[in-house]
Amino acid sequence: MPLKTSAQAAFVGILLQTFIWISACATSPVAVTQSEQATDAAIVARVKAALLRDPYLYAAHIDVTANRGDVRLTGFVAEADDFAKAVHTAKGVAGVRHVINNLQLVDRR
């Protein structure tokens, strides 16, 4: 149905802008509390320690971050098997809800 007046077009434009604004506000992240930050810091420390304890995993180039128990592994591993080892080790740490694997394999040619 075509819009007949500029007032109708303006009204539709305002409705569209309002919908977009409400949608953007509804998806904005909720602030992390100090307690959650402390819990995440403890999880990061435990995951890093667990990775460093594994004698078959060179963990010096693996960075660990956490957000509400979701752990993200980034960095580099030397062997293809190290992807699974790192994820398995991180999942075994208390407080870890989910592991996001952003590790990359170093090309050693």
PDB file of N, CA and C in Angstrom:
ATOM      1  N   MET A   1       0.844  -1.169   0.000  1.00  0.00           N
ATOM      2  CA  MET A   1       0.000   0.000   0.000  1.00  0.00           C
ATOM      3  C   MET A   1       0.895   1.240   0.000  1.00  0.00           C
ATOM      4  N   PRO A   2       0.800   2.078  -0.999  1.00  0.00           N
ATOM      5  CA  PRO A   2       1.642   3.271  -1.065  1.00  0.00           C
ATOM      6  C   PRO A   2       1.225   4.303  -0.019  1.00  0.00           C
ATOM      7  N   LEU A   3       2.236   5.038   0.460  1.00  0.00           N
ATOM      8  CA  LEU A   3       1.963   6.091   1.431  1.00  0.00           C
ATOM      9  C   LEU A   3       1.421   7.304   0.690  1.00  0.00           C
ATOM     10  N   LYS A   4       0.330   7.880   1.210  1.00  0.00           N
ATOM     11  CA  LYS A   4      -0.351   8.949   0.483  1.00  0.00           C
ATOM     12  C   LYS A   4       0.125  10.337   0.876  1.00  0.00           C
ATOM     13  N   THR A   5       0.622  10.484   2.082  1.00  0.00           N
ATOM     14  CA  THR A   5       1.045  11.816   2.498  1.00  0.00           C
ATOM     15  C   THR A   5       2.429  11.749   3.121  1.00  0.00           C
ATOM     16  N   SER A   6       3.050  12.895   3.210  1.00  0.00           N
ATOM     17  CA  SER A   6       4.353  12.942   3.853  1.00  0.00           C
ATOM     18  C   SER A   6       4.216  12.674   5.350  1.00  0.00           C
ATOM     19  N   ALA A   7       3.063  12.961   5.924  1.00  0.00           N
ATOM     20  CA  ALA A   7       2.828  12.669   7.345  1.00  0.00           C
ATOM     21  C   ALA A   7       2.831  11.164   7.570  1.00  0.00           C
ATOM     22  N   GLN A   8       2.230  10.413   6.665  1.00  0.00           N
ATOM     23  CA  GLN A   8       2.253   8.954   6.792  1.00  0.00           C
ATOM     24  C   GLN A   8       3.682   8.430   6.655  1.00  0.00           C
ATOM     25  N   ALA A   9       4.431   8.961   5.734  1.00  0.00           N
ATOM     26  CA  ALA A   9       5.816   8.541   5.540  1.00  0.00           C
ATOM     27  C   ALA A   9       6.647   8.858   6.776  1.00  0.00           C
ATOM     28  N   ALA A  10       6.447  10.033   7.354  1.00  0.00           N
ATOM     29  CA  ALA A  10       7.178  10.414   8.566  1.00  0.00           C
ATOM     30  C   ALA A  10       6.806   9.484   9.715  1.00  0.00           C
ATOM     31  N   PHE A  11       5.523   9.166   9.832  1.00  0.00           N
ATOM     32  CA  PHE A  11       5.066   8.279  10.900  1.00  0.00           C
ATOM     33  C   PHE A  11       5.707   6.899  10.774  1.00  0.00           C
ATOM     34  N   VAL A  12       5.743   6.366   9.577  1.00  0.00           N
ATOM     35  CA  VAL A  12       6.362   5.060   9.338  1.00  0.00           C
ATOM     36  C   VAL A  12       7.856   5.129   9.651  1.00  0.00           C
ATOM     37  N   GLY A  13       8.501   6.217   9.268  1.00  0.00           N
ATOM     38  CA  GLY A  13       9.927   6.388   9.565  1.00  0.00           C
ATOM     39  C   GLY A  13      10.198   6.421  11.059  1.00  0.00           C
ATOM     40  N   ILE A  14       9.359   7.132  11.804  1.00  0.00           N
ATOM     41  CA  ILE A  14       9.525   7.198  13.256  1.00  0.00           C
ATOM     42  C   ILE A  14       9.294   5.830  13.884  1.00  0.00           C
ATOM     43  N   LEU A  15       8.296   5.105  13.423  1.00  0.00           N
ATOM     44  CA  LEU A  15       8.059   3.748  13.934  1.00  0.00           C
ATOM     45  C   LEU A  15       9.257   2.847  13.678  1.00  0.00           C
ATOM     46  N   LEU A  16       9.826   2.937  12.492  1.00  0.00           N
ATOM     47  CA  LEU A  16      10.982   2.120  12.142  1.00  0.00           C
ATOM     48  C   LEU A  16      12.180   2.468  13.018  1.00  0.00           C
ATOM     49  N   GLN A  17      12.447   3.754  13.205  1.00  0.00           N
ATOM     50  CA  GLN A  17      13.555   4.173  14.069  1.00  0.00           C
ATOM     51  C   GLN A  17      13.344   3.706  15.504  1.00  0.00           C
ATOM     52  N   THR A  18      12.113   3.814  15.994  1.00  0.00           N
ATOM     53  CA  THR A  18      11.799   3.368  17.359  1.00  0.00           C
ATOM     54  C   THR A  18      12.039   1.872  17.501  1.00  0.00           C
ATOM     55  N   PHE A  19      11.614   1.094  16.523  1.00  0.00           N
ATOM     56  CA  PHE A  19      11.826  -0.351  16.562  1.00  0.00           C
ATOM     57  C   PHE A  19      13.312  -0.686  16.580  1.00  0.00           C
ATOM     58  N   ILE A  20      14.085  -0.025  15.742  1.00  0.00           N
ATOM     59  CA  ILE A  20      15.535  -0.273  15.697  1.00  0.00           C
ATOM     60  C   ILE A  20      16.172   0.094  17.033  1.00  0.00           C
ATOM     61  N   TRP A  21      15.785   1.221  17.605  1.00  0.00           N
ATOM     62  CA  TRP A  21      16.345   1.667  18.881  1.00  0.00           C
ATOM     63  C   TRP A  21      16.008   0.684  20.001  1.00  0.00           C
ATOM     64  N   ILE A  22      14.773   0.233  20.046  1.00  0.00           N
ATOM     65  CA  ILE A  22      14.377  -0.727  21.085  1.00  0.00           C
ATOM     66  C   ILE A  22      15.123  -2.040  20.905  1.00  0.00           C
ATOM     67  N   SER A  23      15.272  -2.494  19.670  1.00  0.00           N
ATOM     68  CA  SER A  23      16.001  -3.744  19.415  1.00  0.00           C
ATOM     69  C   SER A  23      17.451  -3.623  19.858  1.00  0.00           C
ATOM     70  N   ALA A  24      18.080  -2.496  19.588  1.00  0.00           N
ATOM     71  CA  ALA A  24      19.477  -2.301  19.979  1.00  0.00           C
ATOM     72  C   ALA A  24      19.618  -2.286  21.489  1.00  0.00           C
ATOM     73  N   CYS A  25      18.698  -1.665  22.169  1.00  0.00           N
ATOM     74  CA  CYS A  25      18.761  -1.613  23.635  1.00  0.00           C
ATOM     75  C   CYS A  25      18.514  -2.980  24.249  1.00  0.00           C
ATOM     76  N   ALA A  26      17.671  -3.764  23.640  1.00  0.00           N
ATOM     77  CA  ALA A  26      17.343  -5.080  24.191  1.00  0.00           C
ATOM     78  C   ALA A  26      18.510  -6.037  24.100  1.00  0.00           C
ATOM     79  N   THR A  27      19.436  -5.813  23.176  1.00  0.00           N
ATOM     80  CA  THR A  27      20.549  -6.738  23.003  1.00  0.00           C
ATOM     81  C   THR A  27      21.846  -6.226  23.618  1.00  0.00           C
ATOM     82  N   SER A  28      21.812  -5.092  24.291  1.00  0.00           N
ATOM     83  CA  SER A  28      23.038  -4.573  24.886  1.00  0.00           C
ATOM     84  C   SER A  28      23.458  -5.454  26.058  1.00  0.00           C
ATOM     85  N   PRO A  29      24.761  -5.648  26.237  1.00  0.00           N
ATOM     86  CA  PRO A  29      25.235  -6.545  27.288  1.00  0.00           C
ATOM     87  C   PRO A  29      24.987  -5.969  28.682  1.00  0.00           C
ATOM     88  N   VAL A  30      24.779  -6.871  29.620  1.00  0.00           N
ATOM     89  CA  VAL A  30      24.587  -6.488  31.008  1.00  0.00           C
ATOM     90  C   VAL A  30      25.966  -6.349  31.647  1.00  0.00           C
ATOM     91  N   ALA A  31      26.133  -5.331  32.458  1.00  0.00           N
ATOM     92  CA  ALA A  31      27.428  -5.081  33.094  1.00  0.00           C
ATOM     93  C   ALA A  31      27.826  -6.256  33.991  1.00  0.00           C
ATOM     94  N   VAL A  32      29.112  -6.537  34.006  1.00  0.00           N
ATOM     95  CA  VAL A  32      29.659  -7.607  34.843  1.00  0.00           C
ATOM     96  C   VAL A  32      29.949  -7.013  36.226  1.00  0.00           C
ATOM     97  N   THR A  33      29.479  -7.687  37.253  1.00  0.00           N
ATOM     98  CA  THR A  33      29.686  -7.199  38.620  1.00  0.00           C
ATOM     99  C   THR A  33      31.120  -7.477  39.067  1.00  0.00           C
ATOM    100  N   GLN A  34      31.515  -6.826  40.152  1.00  0.00           N
ATOM    101  CA  GLN A  34      32.863  -7.061  40.695  1.00  0.00           C
ATOM    102  C   GLN A  34      33.024  -8.507  41.147  1.00  0.00           C
ATOM    103  N   SER A  35      31.976  -9.075  41.683  1.00  0.00           N
ATOM    104  CA  SER A  35      32.027 -10.477  42.110  1.00  0.00           C
ATOM    105  C   SER A  35      32.262 -11.395  40.911  1.00  0.00           C
ATOM    106  N   GLU A  36      31.568 -11.126  39.798  1.00  0.00           N
ATOM    107  CA  GLU A  36      31.760 -11.929  38.588  1.00  0.00           C
ATOM    108  C   GLU A  36      33.162 -11.741  38.025  1.00  0.00           C
ATOM    109  N   GLN A  37      33.680 -10.512  38.089  1.00  0.00           N
ATOM    110  CA  GLN A  37      35.046 -10.261  37.631  1.00  0.00           C
ATOM    111  C   GLN A  37      36.053 -11.046  38.464  1.00  0.00           C
ATOM    112  N   ALA A  38      35.854 -11.074  39.776  1.00  0.00           N
ATOM    113  CA  ALA A  38      36.762 -11.820  40.654  1.00  0.00           C
ATOM    114  C   ALA A  38      36.670 -13.313  40.371  1.00  0.00           C
ATOM    115  N   THR A  39      35.464 -13.808  40.163  1.00  0.00           N
ATOM    116  CA  THR A  39      35.280 -15.230  39.852  1.00  0.00           C
ATOM    117  C   THR A  39      35.959 -15.572  38.532  1.00  0.00           C
ATOM    118  N   ASP A  40      35.773 -14.716  37.520  1.00  0.00           N
ATOM    119  CA  ASP A  40      36.411 -14.955  36.226  1.00  0.00           C
ATOM    120  C   ASP A  40      37.930 -14.913  36.338  1.00  0.00           C
ATOM    121  N   ALA A  41      38.462 -13.999  37.136  1.00  0.00           N
ATOM    122  CA  ALA A  41      39.923 -13.917  37.324  1.00  0.00           C
ATOM    123  C   ALA A  41      40.449 -15.201  37.961  1.00  0.00           C
ATOM    124  N   ALA A  42      39.702 -15.737  38.914  1.00  0.00           N
ATOM    125  CA  ALA A  42      40.113 -16.995  39.556  1.00  0.00           C
ATOM    126  C   ALA A  42      40.056 -18.149  38.559  1.00  0.00           C
ATOM    127  N   ILE A  43      39.034 -18.171  37.723  1.00  0.00           N
ATOM    128  CA  ILE A  43      38.917 -19.215  36.699  1.00  0.00           C
ATOM    129  C   ILE A  43      40.097 -19.130  35.729  1.00  0.00           C
ATOM    130  N   VAL A  44      40.428 -17.918  35.294  1.00  0.00           N
ATOM    131  CA  VAL A  44      41.554 -17.728  34.374  1.00  0.00           C
ATOM    132  C   VAL A  44      42.839 -18.254  35.001  1.00  0.00           C
ATOM    133  N   ALA A  45      43.066 -17.932  36.263  1.00  0.00           N
ATOM    134  CA  ALA A  45      44.286 -18.396  36.942  1.00  0.00           C
ATOM    135  C   ALA A  45      44.325 -19.914  37.019  1.00  0.00           C
ATOM    136  N   ARG A  46      43.177 -20.537  37.331  1.00  0.00           N
ATOM    137  CA  ARG A  46      43.136 -22.006  37.427  1.00  0.00           C
ATOM    138  C   ARG A  46      43.344 -22.665  36.061  1.00  0.00           C
ATOM    139  N   VAL A  47      42.751 -22.089  35.022  1.00  0.00           N
ATOM    140  CA  VAL A  47      42.917 -22.665  33.676  1.00  0.00           C
ATOM    141  C   VAL A  47      44.370 -22.539  33.224  1.00  0.00           C
ATOM    142  N   LYS A  48      44.974 -21.365  33.433  1.00  0.00           N
ATOM    143  CA  LYS A  48      46.382 -21.185  33.050  1.00  0.00           C
ATOM    144  C   LYS A  48      47.274 -22.171  33.788  1.00  0.00           C
ATOM    145  N   ALA A  49      47.029 -22.339  35.087  1.00  0.00           N
ATOM    146  CA  ALA A  49      47.830 -23.279  35.871  1.00  0.00           C
ATOM    147  C   ALA A  49      47.653 -24.706  35.356  1.00  0.00           C
ATOM    148  N   ALA A  50      46.421 -25.082  35.030  1.00  0.00           N
ATOM    149  CA  ALA A  50      46.171 -26.433  34.520  1.00  0.00           C
ATOM    150  C   ALA A  50      46.857 -26.645  33.174  1.00  0.00           C
ATOM    151  N   LEU A  51      46.824 -25.636  32.303  1.00  0.00           N
ATOM    152  CA  LEU A  51      47.497 -25.761  31.008  1.00  0.00           C
ATOM    153  C   LEU A  51      49.004 -25.896  31.184  1.00  0.00           C
ATOM    154  N   LEU A  52      49.564 -25.138  32.099  1.00  0.00           N
ATOM    155  CA  LEU A  52      51.015 -25.189  32.323  1.00  0.00           C
ATOM    156  C   LEU A  52      51.449 -26.503  32.988  1.00  0.00           C
ATOM    157  N   ARG A  53      50.543 -27.143  33.722  1.00  0.00           N
ATOM    158  CA  ARG A  53      50.879 -28.419  34.381  1.00  0.00           C
ATOM    159  C   ARG A  53      50.948 -29.588  33.404  1.00  0.00           C
ATOM    160  N   ASP A  54      50.294 -29.451  32.252  1.00  0.00           N
ATOM    161  CA  ASP A  54      50.285 -30.549  31.283  1.00  0.00           C
ATOM    162  C   ASP A  54      51.664 -30.646  30.632  1.00  0.00           C
ATOM    163  N   PRO A  55      52.410 -31.750  30.885  1.00  0.00           N
ATOM    164  CA  PRO A  55      53.771 -31.851  30.360  1.00  0.00           C
ATOM    165  C   PRO A  55      53.822 -32.026  28.835  1.00  0.00           C
ATOM    166  N   TYR A  56      52.695 -32.371  28.211  1.00  0.00           N
ATOM    167  CA  TYR A  56      52.680 -32.610  26.770  1.00  0.00           C
ATOM    168  C   TYR A  56      52.105 -31.426  25.976  1.00  0.00           C
ATOM    169  N   LEU A  57      51.834 -30.338  26.675  1.00  0.00           N
ATOM    170  CA  LEU A  57      51.245 -29.170  26.037  1.00  0.00           C
ATOM    171  C   LEU A  57      52.118 -27.958  26.304  1.00  0.00           C
ATOM    172  N   TYR A  58      52.595 -27.333  25.242  1.00  0.00           N
ATOM    173  CA  TYR A  58      53.374 -26.112  25.406  1.00  0.00           C
ATOM    174  C   TYR A  58      52.380 -24.953  25.463  1.00  0.00           C
ATOM    175  N   ALA A  59      52.117 -24.488  26.669  1.00  0.00           N
ATOM    176  CA  ALA A  59      51.044 -23.517  26.890  1.00  0.00           C
ATOM    177  C   ALA A  59      51.525 -22.075  26.984  1.00  0.00           C
ATOM    178  N   ALA A  60      52.789 -21.841  26.756  1.00  0.00           N
ATOM    179  CA  ALA A  60      53.326 -20.482  26.899  1.00  0.00           C
ATOM    180  C   ALA A  60      52.682 -19.496  25.927  1.00  0.00           C
ATOM    181  N   HIS A  61      52.185 -19.973  24.801  1.00  0.00           N
ATOM    182  CA  HIS A  61      51.599 -19.086  23.803  1.00  0.00           C
ATOM    183  C   HIS A  61      50.077 -19.166  23.781  1.00  0.00           C
ATOM    184  N   ILE A  62      49.481 -19.647  24.861  1.00  0.00           N
ATOM    185  CA  ILE A  62      48.028 -19.710  24.957  1.00  0.00           C
ATOM    186  C   ILE A  62      47.566 -18.661  25.964  1.00  0.00           C
ATOM    187  N   ASP A  63      46.708 -17.763  25.505  1.00  0.00           N
ATOM    188  CA  ASP A  63      46.123 -16.749  26.376  1.00  0.00           C
ATOM    189  C   ASP A  63      44.730 -17.203  26.784  1.00  0.00           C
ATOM    190  N   VAL A  64      44.355 -16.886  28.015  1.00  0.00           N
ATOM    191  CA  VAL A  64      43.075 -17.306  28.561  1.00  0.00           C
ATOM    192  C   VAL A  64      42.323 -16.083  29.060  1.00  0.00           C
ATOM    193  N   THR A  65      41.058 -15.968  28.670  1.00  0.00           N
ATOM    194  CA  THR A  65      40.171 -14.952  29.224  1.00  0.00           C
ATOM    195  C   THR A  65      38.869 -15.641  29.617  1.00  0.00           C
ATOM    196  N   ALA A  66      38.124 -14.995  30.502  1.00  0.00           N
ATOM    197  CA  ALA A  66      36.846 -15.564  30.934  1.00  0.00           C
ATOM    198  C   ALA A  66      35.817 -14.457  31.073  1.00  0.00           C
ATOM    199  N   ASN A  67      34.583 -14.810  30.776  1.00  0.00           N
ATOM    200  CA  ASN A  67      33.458 -13.905  30.942  1.00  0.00           C
ATOM    201  C   ASN A  67      32.284 -14.729  31.440  1.00  0.00           C
ATOM    202  N   ARG A  68      31.989 -14.574  32.740  1.00  0.00           N
ATOM    203  CA  ARG A  68      30.891 -15.309  33.383  1.00  0.00           C
ATOM    204  C   ARG A  68      31.020 -16.814  33.197  1.00  0.00           C
ATOM    205  N   GLY A  69      32.240 -17.305  33.306  1.00  0.00           N
ATOM    206  CA  GLY A  69      32.488 -18.738  33.226  1.00  0.00           C
ATOM    207  C   GLY A  69      32.739 -19.269  31.834  1.00  0.00           C
ATOM    208  N   ASP A  70      32.525 -18.435  30.826  1.00  0.00           N
ATOM    209  CA  ASP A  70      32.843 -18.833  29.454  1.00  0.00           C
ATOM    210  C   ASP A  70      34.300 -18.487  29.201  1.00  0.00           C
ATOM    211  N   VAL A  71      35.105 -19.499  28.943  1.00  0.00           N
ATOM    212  CA  VAL A  71      36.552 -19.326  28.785  1.00  0.00           C
ATOM    213  C   VAL A  71      36.897 -19.275  27.310  1.00  0.00           C
ATOM    214  N   ARG A  72      37.747 -18.319  26.944  1.00  0.00           N
ATOM    215  CA  ARG A  72      38.223 -18.184  25.561  1.00  0.00           C
ATOM    216  C   ARG A  72      39.723 -18.445  25.539  1.00  0.00           C
ATOM    217  N   LEU A  73      40.126 -19.386  24.694  1.00  0.00           N
ATOM    218  CA  LEU A  73      41.535 -19.702  24.499  1.00  0.00           C
ATOM    219  C   LEU A  73      41.975 -19.086  23.178  1.00  0.00           C
ATOM    220  N   THR A  74      43.009 -18.256  23.220  1.00  0.00           N
ATOM    221  CA  THR A  74      43.553 -17.665  22.008  1.00  0.00           C
ATOM    222  C   THR A  74      45.064 -17.856  22.010  1.00  0.00           C
ATOM    223  N   GLY A  75      45.650 -17.758  20.858  1.00  0.00           N
ATOM    224  CA  GLY A  75      47.093 -17.920  20.757  1.00  0.00           C
ATOM    225  C   GLY A  75      47.447 -19.012  19.773  1.00  0.00           C
ATOM    226  N   PHE A  76      48.600 -19.645  20.033  1.00  0.00           N
ATOM    227  CA  PHE A  76      49.148 -20.597  19.071  1.00  0.00           C
ATOM    228  C   PHE A  76      49.530 -21.902  19.746  1.00  0.00           C
ATOM    229  N   VAL A  77      49.344 -22.998  19.011  1.00  0.00           N
ATOM    230  CA  VAL A  77      49.804 -24.308  19.454  1.00  0.00           C
ATOM    231  C   VAL A  77      50.683 -24.890  18.355  1.00  0.00           C
ATOM    232  N   ALA A  78      51.584 -25.794  18.758  1.00  0.00           N
ATOM    233  CA  ALA A  78      52.555 -26.344  17.818  1.00  0.00           C
ATOM    234  C   ALA A  78      52.081 -27.622  17.137  1.00  0.00           C
ATOM    235  N   GLU A  79      51.181 -28.340  17.755  1.00  0.00           N
ATOM    236  CA  GLU A  79      50.717 -29.628  17.232  1.00  0.00           C
ATOM    237  C   GLU A  79      49.197 -29.616  17.110  1.00  0.00           C
ATOM    238  N   ALA A  80      48.675 -30.356  16.141  1.00  0.00           N
ATOM    239  CA  ALA A  80      47.227 -30.430  15.950  1.00  0.00           C
ATOM    240  C   ALA A  80      46.523 -31.018  17.173  1.00  0.00           C
ATOM    241  N   ASP A  81      47.160 -31.971  17.842  1.00  0.00           N
ATOM    242  CA  ASP A  81      46.565 -32.582  19.037  1.00  0.00           C
ATOM    243  C   ASP A  81      46.415 -31.592  20.187  1.00  0.00           C
ATOM    244  N   ASP A  82      47.188 -30.509  20.156  1.00  0.00           N
ATOM    245  CA  ASP A  82      47.155 -29.537  21.244  1.00  0.00           C
ATOM    246  C   ASP A  82      45.831 -28.780  21.322  1.00  0.00           C
ATOM    247  N   PHE A  83      45.110 -28.685  20.203  1.00  0.00           N
ATOM    248  CA  PHE A  83      43.786 -28.055  20.237  1.00  0.00           C
ATOM    249  C   PHE A  83      42.897 -28.786  21.234  1.00  0.00           C
ATOM    250  N   ALA A  84      42.789 -30.098  21.037  1.00  0.00           N
ATOM    251  CA  ALA A  84      41.916 -30.906  21.888  1.00  0.00           C
ATOM    252  C   ALA A  84      42.431 -30.963  23.320  1.00  0.00           C
ATOM    253  N   LYS A  85      43.750 -31.057  23.494  1.00  0.00           N
ATOM    254  CA  LYS A  85      44.311 -31.093  24.848  1.00  0.00           C
ATOM    255  C   LYS A  85      43.978 -29.826  25.614  1.00  0.00           C
ATOM    256  N   ALA A  86      44.132 -28.682  24.981  1.00  0.00           N
ATOM    257  CA  ALA A  86      43.878 -27.409  25.652  1.00  0.00           C
ATOM    258  C   ALA A  86      42.408 -27.272  26.020  1.00  0.00           C
ATOM    259  N   VAL A  87      41.524 -27.614  25.117  1.00  0.00           N
ATOM    260  CA  VAL A  87      40.085 -27.516  25.392  1.00  0.00           C
ATOM    261  C   VAL A  87      39.693 -28.487  26.492  1.00  0.00           C
ATOM    262  N   HIS A  88      40.170 -29.712  26.403  1.00  0.00           N
ATOM    263  CA  HIS A  88      39.853 -30.722  27.413  1.00  0.00           C
ATOM    264  C   HIS A  88      40.348 -30.283  28.798  1.00  0.00           C
ATOM    265  N   THR A  89      41.548 -29.754  28.858  1.00  0.00           N
ATOM    266  CA  THR A  89      42.107 -29.301  30.125  1.00  0.00           C
ATOM    267  C   THR A  89      41.286 -28.147  30.688  1.00  0.00           C
ATOM    268  N   ALA A  90      40.930 -27.180  29.852  1.00  0.00           N
ATOM    269  CA  ALA A  90      40.148 -26.029  30.318  1.00  0.00           C
ATOM    270  C   ALA A  90      38.765 -26.448  30.799  1.00  0.00           C
ATOM    271  N   LYS A  91      38.129 -27.386  30.094  1.00  0.00           N
ATOM    272  CA  LYS A  91      36.798 -27.842  30.496  1.00  0.00           C
ATOM    273  C   LYS A  91      36.818 -28.548  31.847  1.00  0.00           C
ATOM    274  N   GLY A  92      37.953 -29.094  32.215  1.00  0.00           N
ATOM    275  CA  GLY A  92      38.059 -29.812  33.485  1.00  0.00           C
ATOM    276  C   GLY A  92      38.258 -28.916  34.698  1.00  0.00           C
ATOM    277  N   VAL A  93      38.364 -27.618  34.499  1.00  0.00           N
ATOM    278  CA  VAL A  93      38.599 -26.678  35.597  1.00  0.00           C
ATOM    279  C   VAL A  93      37.264 -26.264  36.213  1.00  0.00           C
ATOM    280  N   ALA A  94      37.224 -26.219  37.516  1.00  0.00           N
ATOM    281  CA  ALA A  94      36.000 -25.837  38.230  1.00  0.00           C
ATOM    282  C   ALA A  94      35.578 -24.428  37.850  1.00  0.00           C
ATOM    283  N   GLY A  95      34.288 -24.265  37.574  1.00  0.00           N
ATOM    284  CA  GLY A  95      33.735 -22.963  37.252  1.00  0.00           C
ATOM    285  C   GLY A  95      33.636 -22.673  35.769  1.00  0.00           C
ATOM    286  N   VAL A  96      34.265 -23.489  34.939  1.00  0.00           N
ATOM    287  CA  VAL A  96      34.217 -23.272  33.490  1.00  0.00           C
ATOM    288  C   VAL A  96      32.897 -23.820  32.960  1.00  0.00           C
ATOM    289  N   ARG A  97      32.124 -22.939  32.316  1.00  0.00           N
ATOM    290  CA  ARG A  97      30.841 -23.354  31.744  1.00  0.00           C
ATOM    291  C   ARG A  97      31.007 -23.810  30.299  1.00  0.00           C
ATOM    292  N   HIS A  98      31.828 -23.072  29.560  1.00  0.00           N
ATOM    293  CA  HIS A  98      31.965 -23.325  28.131  1.00  0.00           C
ATOM    294  C   HIS A  98      33.363 -22.873  27.707  1.00  0.00           C
ATOM    295  N   VAL A  99      33.942 -23.557  26.726  1.00  0.00           N
ATOM    296  CA  VAL A  99      35.265 -23.174  26.217  1.00  0.00           C
ATOM    297  C   VAL A  99      35.138 -22.788  24.749  1.00  0.00           C
ATOM    298  N   ILE A 100      35.632 -21.598  24.439  1.00  0.00           N
ATOM    299  CA  ILE A 100      35.657 -21.102  23.069  1.00  0.00           C
ATOM    300  C   ILE A 100      37.102 -21.218  22.590  1.00  0.00           C
ATOM    301  N   ASN A 101      37.310 -22.008  21.557  1.00  0.00           N
ATOM    302  CA  ASN A 101      38.660 -22.303  21.072  1.00  0.00           C
ATOM    303  C   ASN A 101      39.000 -21.414  19.886  1.00  0.00           C
ATOM    304  N   ASN A 102      39.849 -20.429  20.118  1.00  0.00           N
ATOM    305  CA  ASN A 102      40.346 -19.568  19.043  1.00  0.00           C
ATOM    306  C   ASN A 102      41.844 -19.788  18.815  1.00  0.00           C
ATOM    307  N   LEU A 103      42.316 -20.971  19.127  1.00  0.00           N
ATOM    308  CA  LEU A 103      43.730 -21.290  18.954  1.00  0.00           C
ATOM    309  C   LEU A 103      44.053 -21.472  17.474  1.00  0.00           C
ATOM    310  N   GLN A 104      45.288 -21.183  17.130  1.00  0.00           N
ATOM    311  CA  GLN A 104      45.759 -21.363  15.757  1.00  0.00           C
ATOM    312  C   GLN A 104      46.982 -22.261  15.767  1.00  0.00           C
ATOM    313  N   LEU A 105      47.117 -23.049  14.727  1.00  0.00           N
ATOM    314  CA  LEU A 105      48.255 -23.950  14.580  1.00  0.00           C
ATOM    315  C   LEU A 105      49.395 -23.199  13.911  1.00  0.00           C
ATOM    316  N   VAL A 106      50.575 -23.267  14.521  1.00  0.00           N
ATOM    317  CA  VAL A 106      51.757 -22.609  13.977  1.00  0.00           C
ATOM    318  C   VAL A 106      52.288 -23.478  12.835  1.00  0.00           C
ATOM    319  N   ASP A 107      52.532 -22.834  11.711  1.00  0.00           N
ATOM    320  CA  ASP A 107      53.128 -23.532  10.575  1.00  0.00           C
ATOM    321  C   ASP A 107      54.640 -23.513  10.773  1.00  0.00           C
ATOM    322  N   ARG A 108      55.214 -24.693  11.074  1.00  0.00           N
ATOM    323  CA  ARG A 108      56.647 -24.766  11.423  1.00  0.00           C
ATOM    324  C   ARG A 108      57.506 -25.173  10.229  1.00  0.00           C
ATOM    325  N   ARG A 109      57.106 -24.848   9.034  1.00  0.00           N
ATOM    326  CA  ARG A 109      57.905 -25.194   7.847  1.00  0.00           C
ATOM    327  C   ARG A 109      59.087 -24.303   7.701  1.00  0.00           C
TER     328      ARG A 109
END
